[in-house]
Protein backbone atom coordinates (compact mmCIF):
# COMPACT_ATOMS: atom_id res chain seq x y z
CA MET A 1 17.99 -46.14 -14.12
CA THR A 2 15.18 -48.32 -15.69
CA CYS A 3 11.24 -48.06 -14.54
CA ALA A 4 11.31 -52.05 -14.06
CA ASP A 5 13.50 -51.27 -11.00
CA ALA A 6 12.06 -48.22 -9.61
CA SER A 7 10.33 -50.00 -6.49
CA LYS A 8 13.01 -51.73 -5.65
CA PRO A 9 15.69 -50.68 -3.39
CA PRO A 10 19.32 -50.64 -3.75
CA SER A 11 21.89 -51.67 -1.42
CA HIS A 12 23.47 -48.34 -2.11
CA PHE A 13 23.32 -45.07 -4.24
CA TYR A 14 25.47 -41.73 -4.20
CA LEU A 15 24.47 -38.24 -3.37
CA PRO A 16 25.25 -35.30 -6.10
CA HIS A 17 27.69 -32.38 -5.78
CA THR A 18 25.29 -29.62 -5.36
CA LEU A 19 27.18 -27.29 -4.01
CA HIS A 20 29.37 -27.72 -6.59
CA ASN A 21 29.76 -24.47 -7.81
CA TRP A 22 29.08 -22.48 -4.70
CA PRO A 23 31.15 -19.67 -4.13
CA TRP A 24 30.61 -19.20 -0.79
CA PRO A 25 33.25 -21.01 1.60
CA ARG A 26 32.30 -22.68 4.95
CA THR A 27 32.25 -20.70 8.13
CA ILE A 28 31.60 -20.70 11.58
CA HIS A 29 31.06 -19.31 14.54
CA GLU A 30 33.53 -18.90 17.42
CA ASP A 31 31.41 -19.86 19.95
CA ALA A 32 29.74 -22.69 18.28
CA THR A 33 29.15 -25.59 21.47
CA GLY A 34 28.62 -22.65 24.39
CA CYS A 35 25.41 -21.78 23.35
CA GLN A 36 24.09 -25.42 22.49
CA ALA A 37 25.37 -26.04 25.99
CA GLU A 38 22.93 -22.82 27.51
CA SER A 39 20.04 -23.94 24.93
CA ARG A 40 20.49 -27.61 25.82
CA ALA A 41 20.48 -26.87 29.39
CA TRP A 42 16.42 -24.26 28.44
CA ILE A 43 15.36 -26.59 26.43
CA THR A 44 15.05 -29.88 28.99
CA SER A 45 13.96 -28.41 31.96
CA PHE A 46 10.52 -28.73 30.39
CA ASN A 47 11.34 -32.21 29.83
CA VAL A 48 9.08 -32.57 27.15
CA PHE A 49 10.93 -35.27 26.00
CA PRO A 50 12.31 -39.06 27.00
CA SER A 51 15.80 -39.73 27.43
CA SER A 52 15.92 -41.75 24.40
CA PHE A 53 14.58 -38.98 22.42
CA GLN A 54 16.71 -36.65 24.37
CA ARG A 55 19.87 -38.40 22.90
CA VAL A 56 18.54 -38.41 19.28
CA LEU A 57 18.13 -34.78 19.53
CA ASP A 58 22.22 -34.26 21.17
CA LYS A 59 23.37 -35.95 18.27
CA THR A 60 21.72 -33.67 15.96
CA ASN A 61 23.27 -30.93 17.73
CA PRO A 62 21.06 -27.86 16.57
CA GLY A 63 23.79 -25.50 17.47
CA LEU A 64 26.15 -26.92 14.84
CA LEU A 65 23.61 -25.61 12.39
CA CYS A 66 23.49 -22.22 14.58
CA ALA A 67 27.25 -22.01 14.22
CA LEU A 68 27.43 -23.05 10.72
CA THR A 69 24.87 -20.58 9.13
CA ALA A 70 24.97 -17.55 11.74
CA PRO A 71 29.08 -17.21 12.36
CA HIS A 72 29.01 -13.20 12.45
CA ALA A 73 25.87 -13.21 15.41
CA SER A 74 26.22 -12.06 18.92
CA LEU A 75 25.81 -14.68 21.53
CA PHE A 76 22.47 -13.45 22.85
CA THR A 77 21.38 -13.51 18.78
CA LEU A 78 23.06 -16.91 18.54
CA ARG A 79 21.43 -17.99 21.06
CA SER A 80 18.03 -16.73 19.94
CA CYS A 81 19.14 -19.07 16.97
CA THR A 82 19.76 -22.61 18.87
CA ASP A 83 16.51 -21.94 21.24
CA LEU A 84 14.59 -21.33 18.06
CA MET A 85 16.15 -24.38 16.58
CA HIS A 86 15.71 -26.28 19.43
CA ILE A 87 12.14 -25.56 19.42
CA ALA A 88 11.55 -26.53 15.50
CA PHE A 89 12.28 -29.99 16.73
CA VAL A 90 10.10 -29.53 19.90
CA ILE A 91 7.27 -28.92 17.85
CA ASP A 92 8.41 -31.80 14.92
CA GLY A 93 8.35 -34.50 17.99
CA HIS A 94 4.91 -32.62 19.01
CA THR A 95 3.10 -33.23 15.88
CA ASP A 96 4.58 -35.50 13.80
CA ASN A 97 2.24 -38.78 13.13
CA GLN A 98 -0.37 -37.11 15.20
CA PRO A 99 -3.83 -36.27 14.91
CA LEU A 100 -5.13 -32.85 12.61
CA ASP A 101 -6.55 -31.61 15.47
CA VAL A 102 -3.73 -32.50 17.89
CA VAL A 103 -1.73 -30.51 15.05
CA VAL A 104 -4.05 -27.74 15.42
CA ALA A 105 -3.65 -27.25 19.13
CA ARG A 106 -0.24 -27.26 19.40
CA CYS A 107 0.20 -24.99 16.45
CA HIS A 108 -2.21 -22.58 18.00
CA GLU A 109 -0.51 -22.69 21.51
CA SER A 110 2.72 -21.99 19.64
CA MET A 111 1.05 -18.71 17.33
CA ASP A 112 -0.48 -17.16 20.56
CA ALA A 113 2.55 -17.35 22.76
CA ILE A 114 4.77 -16.03 20.50
CA LEU A 115 1.48 -12.86 20.05
CA HIS A 116 1.78 -12.82 23.66
CA PRO A 117 5.17 -12.97 25.13
CA HIS A 118 4.37 -11.17 28.42
CA GLN A 119 1.45 -12.92 29.06
CA PRO A 120 0.77 -16.06 31.60
CA ARG A 121 -0.46 -19.09 29.40
CA PRO A 122 -3.51 -20.60 30.12
CA VAL A 123 -3.12 -23.42 33.61
CA GLY A 124 -3.75 -26.92 32.25
CA GLU A 125 -2.44 -25.97 28.76
CA HIS A 126 0.39 -28.14 27.31
CA ILE A 127 4.18 -26.83 27.61
CA MET A 128 4.49 -25.57 23.72
CA GLY A 129 2.65 -22.94 24.61
CA GLU A 130 5.31 -21.91 27.77
CA ILE A 131 8.44 -22.81 25.81
CA ASN A 132 7.39 -20.55 23.11
CA ARG A 133 6.45 -17.70 25.51
CA GLN A 134 9.77 -17.76 27.32
CA TYR A 135 11.48 -18.01 23.75
CA TRP A 136 10.08 -15.07 22.21
CA GLU A 137 9.86 -13.10 25.43
CA ARG A 138 13.76 -13.19 25.36
CA ALA A 139 14.62 -13.36 21.42
CA SER A 140 12.34 -10.43 20.90
CA SER A 141 13.67 -7.88 23.75
CA GLU A 142 16.45 -7.11 21.07
CA MET A 143 14.87 -6.57 18.58
CA PRO A 144 13.02 -3.49 16.83
CA PRO A 145 9.19 -3.54 15.74
CA LEU A 146 9.95 -4.29 12.18
CA LEU A 147 11.56 -7.27 13.26
CA ILE A 148 9.09 -8.53 15.29
CA LYS A 149 6.69 -8.20 13.22
CA ARG A 150 8.35 -10.24 10.22
CA PHE A 151 9.34 -12.45 12.39
CA GLU A 152 5.23 -13.17 13.61
CA LYS A 153 4.66 -13.43 9.96
CA THR A 154 7.07 -15.93 9.12
CA TRP A 155 6.21 -17.67 12.15
CA ARG A 156 2.85 -18.29 11.24
CA GLY A 157 3.56 -19.36 8.12
CA TYR A 158 5.65 -21.73 9.15
CA LEU A 159 2.32 -23.37 11.90
CA ASP A 160 0.34 -23.29 8.71
CA SER A 161 2.73 -25.56 6.77
CA VAL A 162 3.13 -27.64 9.79
CA VAL A 163 -0.70 -28.17 9.42
CA THR A 164 -1.10 -28.63 5.66
CA GLN A 165 1.27 -31.86 6.18
CA ALA A 166 -0.61 -32.91 8.65
CA GLU A 167 -3.84 -32.75 6.17
CA HIS A 168 -1.98 -34.51 3.58
CA ARG A 169 -0.60 -37.10 5.49
CA ASP A 170 -4.19 -37.99 7.16
CA LYS A 171 -5.12 -37.88 3.54
CA GLN A 172 -2.08 -40.03 2.04
CA TYR A 173 -2.20 -37.55 -0.33
CA ILE A 174 1.18 -37.26 -2.71
CA CYS A 175 2.30 -34.20 -3.64
CA SER A 176 3.57 -33.35 -7.54
CA PRO A 177 6.73 -32.12 -7.59
CA LYS A 178 5.84 -28.84 -7.44
CA GLU A 179 3.38 -28.90 -5.53
CA TYR A 180 5.55 -30.34 -3.00
CA ILE A 181 8.52 -27.58 -3.26
CA ASP A 182 5.70 -25.01 -3.09
CA ALA A 183 4.95 -26.72 0.39
CA ARG A 184 8.27 -27.17 1.50
CA ARG A 185 9.24 -24.04 1.72
CA GLU A 186 7.32 -22.97 4.28
CA ASN A 187 7.61 -26.59 5.68
CA VAL A 188 11.64 -26.53 6.17
CA GLY A 189 11.18 -23.75 8.78
CA ALA A 190 13.93 -21.31 6.83
CA TYR A 191 11.96 -18.01 6.79
CA PRO A 192 11.77 -17.18 10.46
CA PHE A 193 15.65 -17.82 10.42
CA TYR A 194 16.12 -15.03 7.89
CA VAL A 195 14.75 -12.77 10.19
CA LEU A 196 17.76 -13.83 12.83
CA LEU A 197 19.64 -13.45 9.80
CA GLU A 198 18.70 -9.66 10.05
CA LYS A 199 19.78 -8.97 13.46
CA SER A 200 22.42 -11.27 13.58
CA LEU A 201 24.25 -8.67 10.83
CA GLY A 202 22.91 -5.95 12.88
CA ILE A 203 20.62 -4.50 9.98
CA CYS A 204 16.75 -4.25 9.44
CA LEU A 205 15.66 -4.01 5.82
CA PRO A 206 12.97 -1.87 4.64
CA ASP A 207 9.87 -3.73 3.60
CA GLU A 208 9.99 -1.94 0.20
CA VAL A 209 13.25 -4.03 -0.22
CA VAL A 210 12.28 -7.30 2.04
CA ASP A 211 9.22 -7.15 -0.79
CA HIS A 212 11.17 -6.33 -3.92
CA PRO A 213 10.61 -9.20 -5.92
CA TYR A 214 14.43 -9.78 -6.63
CA ILE A 215 14.86 -10.29 -2.49
CA LYS A 216 11.98 -12.49 -2.72
CA ALA A 217 13.50 -14.69 -5.19
CA LEU A 218 16.82 -14.92 -3.12
CA GLU A 219 14.99 -16.02 -0.09
CA THR A 220 12.83 -18.60 -2.44
CA GLY A 221 16.31 -19.85 -4.25
CA ALA A 222 18.12 -20.08 -0.18
CA THR A 223 15.27 -21.90 0.58
CA ASP A 224 14.44 -24.38 -2.14
CA MET A 225 18.34 -25.28 -2.12
CA ILE A 226 17.77 -26.00 1.85
CA LEU A 227 15.33 -28.02 1.74
CA LEU A 228 16.33 -29.75 -1.48
CA GLY A 229 20.01 -30.29 0.56
CA ASN A 230 18.10 -31.83 3.58
CA ASP A 231 15.50 -34.20 1.95
CA MET A 232 18.62 -35.21 0.07
CA CYS A 233 20.40 -36.27 3.15
CA SER A 234 17.74 -37.32 5.26
CA TYR A 235 16.47 -39.84 2.74
CA LYS A 236 18.15 -42.62 4.26
CA LYS A 237 16.96 -41.93 7.30
CA GLU A 238 13.33 -41.62 6.62
CA PHE A 239 13.50 -44.33 4.39
CA LEU A 240 14.71 -46.88 7.19
CA SER A 241 11.83 -46.06 9.51
CA ASP A 242 9.51 -45.88 7.07
CA ASP A 243 8.30 -42.31 6.88
CA ALA A 244 10.18 -41.13 4.02
CA ASP A 245 6.63 -40.14 2.34
CA TYR A 246 6.76 -36.81 2.56
CA ASN A 247 10.42 -36.36 1.32
CA TYR A 248 11.23 -34.90 -2.64
CA ILE A 249 12.96 -38.28 -3.79
CA THR A 250 9.81 -39.80 -3.17
CA VAL A 251 7.44 -37.62 -4.29
CA VAL A 252 9.73 -37.89 -7.61
CA LYS A 253 10.23 -41.74 -7.72
CA LYS A 254 6.51 -42.18 -7.88
CA HIS A 255 5.77 -38.85 -10.19
CA TYR A 256 8.11 -39.93 -12.61
CA ASN A 257 8.27 -43.34 -12.09
CA VAL A 258 12.30 -43.90 -11.42
CA ASP A 259 14.74 -45.55 -9.04
CA ILE A 260 16.04 -44.28 -6.36
CA GLN A 261 19.28 -42.61 -8.07
CA GLY A 262 17.03 -41.94 -10.74
CA ALA A 263 15.58 -39.38 -8.15
CA TYR A 264 18.44 -37.86 -7.13
CA ASP A 265 20.04 -37.36 -10.47
CA ILE A 266 16.27 -35.43 -10.80
CA LEU A 267 16.97 -33.27 -7.55
CA PHE A 268 21.01 -32.06 -8.68
CA THR A 269 19.33 -30.57 -12.09
CA THR A 270 16.13 -29.11 -9.55
CA HIS A 271 19.16 -27.68 -7.03
CA ASP A 272 21.29 -26.50 -10.18
CA GLU A 273 19.00 -24.60 -11.57
CA ALA A 274 17.87 -22.76 -7.97
CA VAL A 275 21.63 -22.28 -7.55
CA GLU A 276 21.68 -20.30 -11.19
CA ASN A 277 18.88 -18.64 -10.13
CA PHE A 278 20.55 -17.32 -7.19
CA LEU A 279 23.62 -16.26 -9.03
CA SER A 280 21.76 -14.20 -11.59
CA VAL A 281 19.58 -12.40 -9.58
CA ALA A 282 22.55 -11.57 -6.93
CA GLU A 283 24.57 -10.62 -9.90
CA LYS A 284 21.59 -7.98 -11.06
CA VAL A 285 20.89 -6.86 -7.17
CA ARG A 286 24.52 -5.79 -7.05
CA ASN A 287 24.54 -4.31 -10.93
CA LYS A 288 21.55 -2.61 -10.22
CA ASP A 289 20.11 -4.42 -13.22
CA GLY A 290 16.61 -3.45 -12.46
CA PHE A 291 17.04 -3.10 -8.92
CA PRO A 292 17.27 -0.12 -7.72
CA SER A 293 19.78 2.38 -4.98
CA PHE A 294 18.22 2.35 -1.87
CA GLY A 295 20.80 4.77 -0.55
CA GLU A 296 24.67 3.86 0.33
CA ILE A 297 23.91 2.38 3.65
CA VAL A 298 20.88 -0.04 2.95
CA ASP A 299 22.62 -1.05 -0.60
CA GLN A 300 25.56 -2.18 1.71
CA GLN A 301 23.00 -4.28 4.09
CA ILE A 302 21.37 -5.53 1.15
CA LEU A 303 24.72 -6.99 -0.05
CA ASP A 304 25.45 -8.55 3.77
CA TYR A 305 21.64 -10.13 3.57
CA ILE A 306 22.47 -12.34 0.38
CA ASP A 307 25.71 -13.18 1.67
CA GLY A 308 23.84 -14.40 4.76
CA LEU A 309 21.53 -16.38 3.09
CA ALA A 310 24.21 -17.71 0.98
CA ILE A 311 25.84 -18.49 4.04
CA TRP A 312 22.39 -20.18 5.20
CA VAL A 313 22.94 -22.52 1.88
CA ARG A 314 26.33 -23.71 2.53
CA GLY A 315 26.65 -23.56 6.59
CA ASN A 316 23.42 -26.37 5.96
CA ASP A 317 25.09 -28.74 3.86
CA GLU A 318 27.86 -28.81 6.48
CA TRP A 319 25.40 -29.04 9.13
CA SER A 320 24.10 -32.43 6.94
CA PHE A 321 27.47 -34.31 7.30
CA GLY A 322 28.54 -32.70 10.71
CA THR A 323 25.57 -33.38 12.95
CA GLU A 324 24.83 -37.32 13.31
CA ARG A 325 21.28 -36.97 12.30
CA TYR A 326 21.36 -38.60 8.67
CA PHE A 327 24.24 -40.74 8.30
CA GLY A 328 25.63 -41.59 12.16
CA LYS A 329 29.27 -41.41 12.63
CA GLU A 330 29.66 -41.60 8.85
CA GLY A 331 28.83 -37.86 7.84
CA LEU A 332 32.05 -36.60 7.33
CA ASP A 333 33.01 -39.62 5.04
CA VAL A 334 29.85 -39.44 3.00
CA GLN A 335 30.42 -35.74 2.88
CA ARG A 336 33.95 -37.26 0.69
CA HIS A 337 33.25 -40.01 -1.29
CA ARG A 338 28.89 -39.79 -1.60
CA LYS A 339 28.05 -43.16 -0.87
CA VAL A 340 25.65 -44.08 0.69
CA VAL A 341 24.69 -47.90 2.04
CA LEU A 342 21.15 -47.97 2.33
CA GLN A 343 20.48 -51.60 3.51
CA PRO A 344 23.76 -53.31 5.30
CA PRO A 345 25.56 -56.00 3.28
CA ALA A 346 23.67 -59.63 3.21
CA GLU A 347 26.25 -61.00 5.80
CA THR A 348 25.72 -58.71 7.85
CA GLN A 349 22.03 -59.35 7.79
CA ASN A 350 22.51 -62.85 8.38
CA HIS A 351 25.17 -62.18 10.97
CA THR A 352 22.78 -60.16 12.84
CA ARG A 353 19.80 -62.14 12.41
CA ARG A 354 21.74 -65.03 13.86
CA TRP A 355 22.76 -62.92 17.00
CA VAL A 356 18.89 -61.95 17.26
CA ILE A 357 17.65 -65.86 17.10
CA GLY A 358 20.52 -66.99 19.15
CA TRP A 359 19.88 -64.33 22.03
CA PHE A 360 16.20 -65.03 21.92
CA VAL A 361 16.78 -68.84 22.32
CA GLU A 362 19.46 -68.27 25.05
CA ILE A 363 16.63 -65.99 26.55
CA CYS A 364 14.12 -68.40 26.63
CA SER A 365 15.95 -71.18 27.98
CA SER A 366 17.14 -69.21 30.73
CA LEU A 367 13.04 -67.99 31.69
CA PHE A 368 11.21 -71.16 30.92
CA GLY A 369 14.07 -74.44 30.81
CA TYR A 370 13.74 -74.21 27.00
């Protein structure tokens, strides 16, 4: 790694083994495909995406992510998780690279629908409102009031972060690494899914548990690992589409003036710190070291919740390589050997260039007699 090479993209780089000491193994819901099919049918009924984007969404496979992160959920809750994951992609598709006023409007429609799921949406409103209304009317029907309140709070935090991202994009603002992680914790969208995690486990933790600094630290640690894992895997896709400004790798490259591999080294160190902090705090909770007892039943629910957060971290990592979103059909190979080819070999580039030129000449010849 040299500063002189920091601006020159390499032909390849290597992903760190971020979960090399993570004790929770991969686990997956027995119905990994059924809820995906139902959820896909529901979201496509709104006709919010062109067919090309729908194909990309299908390759993303939100259902796989939910099956890996909610392996013990009922079918009803797994469907709620999968629907919400589709909604997150709808919001991303309708706010990414949009003017700030459009982003604010879409986020307002989403939040208002969540707060009023039984009220018809205004005539002429963007479809965003009705999608969110239908989702929450169904998903909240089996939720206790405390989880409903908790979801509303976390969903508002997520939407606020979408607006903040749009503000930074309009100003072409590049965060410091700390600013980035602080903002990205909400923007990665994990916190609303932690509410669904409680539902999937059949628990509803008291506020005094959820608000305890140790539980907050565990949620923050899990979220940091999720967002760093997402940025680790999405960088190639975003770099090649010239959309990598809001990625930890880009932020670190610019802040520390390092090359891509150097940025991945820093990401690995940051991720390892989050792992160690999570494991340390989890151990303190288990040993009641600075953490009170809330009674035998709730104490067990807390341990189940910690395991659920940890499974979310593992599941997100497994999905990142199992989906075609980041590495196409090579994801499982990349997961094993960790090598990511950023640029095709020169001979491949030349072959593609010759093919395109030949195809263009042939078209011109047939149309204009060249």
